[in-house]
Amino acid sequence: MVTTDSELSALPNLGKTLTDKLKLAGIDSPDNLRQMGSEKAFLKLSTIDKHACLNMLYALEGAIQGIRWHSLSQERKSELKLFYNMTTR
């Protein structure tokens, strides 16, 4: 699937709700998301969404990699889970 800079919702895992939240957080394009990375994007999202969760972090990483979050490597999931636990306590 080919995306343009304004087509966040065309990325895997990013539906309308998450796309809207990303835009509210100032992340308005796939390139912007890729440059920021999933961890920084998650931190920005968590400032506007008190319900930001681990699955949201996985979804962001999957979007960056161009895959469904379920297909993330176990190693990457473990890294993200550690990051999540360190930043949400």
Protein backbone atom coordinates (compact mmCIF):
# COMPACT_ATOMS: atom_id res chain seq x y z
CA MET A 1 0.00 0.00 0.00
CA VAL A 2 1.44 3.35 -1.06
CA THR A 3 0.93 6.26 1.31
CA THR A 4 1.39 9.97 1.01
CA ASP A 5 2.58 12.14 3.86
CA SER A 6 -0.96 12.85 5.03
CA GLU A 7 -2.20 9.26 5.03
CA LEU A 8 -1.50 8.06 8.55
CA SER A 9 -4.65 5.97 8.51
CA ALA A 10 -3.32 3.96 5.55
CA LEU A 11 -0.59 2.51 7.77
CA PRO A 12 -1.24 -0.85 9.44
CA ASN A 13 -2.85 -0.64 12.91
CA LEU A 14 -3.84 3.03 12.60
CA GLY A 15 -7.58 3.49 12.47
CA LYS A 16 -9.43 6.78 12.61
CA THR A 17 -9.31 7.13 16.41
CA LEU A 18 -5.57 6.58 16.74
CA THR A 19 -4.89 8.70 13.65
CA ASP A 20 -6.91 11.56 15.16
CA LYS A 21 -4.98 11.25 18.43
CA LEU A 22 -1.66 11.29 16.57
CA LYS A 23 -2.68 14.46 14.76
CA LEU A 24 -3.71 16.08 18.05
CA ALA A 25 -0.26 15.21 19.38
CA GLY A 26 1.35 16.92 16.39
CA ILE A 27 2.20 13.77 14.44
CA ASP A 28 0.56 14.36 11.10
CA SER A 29 2.29 12.13 8.54
CA PRO A 30 3.82 8.67 8.16
CA ASP A 31 7.26 10.24 7.73
CA ASN A 32 6.77 12.27 10.90
CA LEU A 33 5.84 9.10 12.80
CA ARG A 34 8.80 7.14 11.41
CA GLN A 35 11.26 9.91 12.26
CA MET A 36 9.92 10.21 15.79
CA GLY A 37 9.81 6.49 16.49
CA SER A 38 7.21 4.56 18.43
CA GLU A 39 8.51 5.39 21.91
CA LYS A 40 8.58 9.16 21.45
CA ALA A 41 5.25 9.08 19.62
CA PHE A 42 3.75 7.09 22.51
CA LEU A 43 5.04 9.62 25.05
CA LYS A 44 3.41 12.43 23.07
CA LEU A 45 0.15 10.47 22.84
CA SER A 46 0.14 9.71 26.54
CA THR A 47 0.12 13.44 27.31
CA ILE A 48 -3.25 13.79 25.56
CA ASP A 49 -4.69 10.31 26.23
CA LYS A 50 -4.61 9.03 29.80
CA HIS A 51 -5.73 5.64 28.49
CA ALA A 52 -2.71 5.12 26.23
CA CYS A 53 -1.81 1.46 26.62
CA LEU A 54 0.79 -1.12 25.67
CA ASN A 55 -1.24 -2.26 22.66
CA MET A 56 -1.20 1.32 21.38
CA LEU A 57 2.59 1.31 21.62
CA TYR A 58 2.69 -1.99 19.74
CA ALA A 59 0.35 -0.54 17.10
CA LEU A 60 2.65 2.44 16.57
CA GLU A 61 5.70 0.21 16.16
CA GLY A 62 3.83 -2.04 13.74
CA ALA A 63 2.75 1.00 11.72
CA ILE A 64 6.36 2.17 11.52
CA GLN A 65 7.51 -1.27 10.39
CA GLY A 66 4.58 -1.61 7.98
CA ILE A 67 3.18 -4.73 9.66
CA ARG A 68 0.30 -5.71 11.92
CA TRP A 69 1.42 -5.37 15.52
CA HIS A 70 0.77 -9.07 16.14
CA SER A 71 3.71 -9.80 13.82
CA LEU A 72 6.27 -7.80 15.79
CA SER A 73 9.23 -9.90 16.91
CA GLN A 74 9.14 -11.15 20.49
CA GLU A 75 12.38 -9.27 21.10
CA ARG A 76 10.87 -5.95 19.98
CA LYS A 77 7.70 -6.59 21.97
CA SER A 78 9.83 -7.21 25.06
CA GLU A 79 11.75 -3.96 24.50
CA LEU A 80 8.51 -2.02 24.09
CA LYS A 81 6.96 -3.65 27.16
CA LEU A 82 9.99 -2.68 29.24
CA PHE A 83 9.77 0.90 27.92
CA TYR A 84 6.03 0.99 28.67
CA ASN A 85 6.52 -0.29 32.22
CA MET A 86 9.28 2.23 32.89
CA THR A 87 7.27 5.19 31.60
CA THR A 88 3.82 4.44 33.03
CA ARG A 89 4.61 3.82 36.67
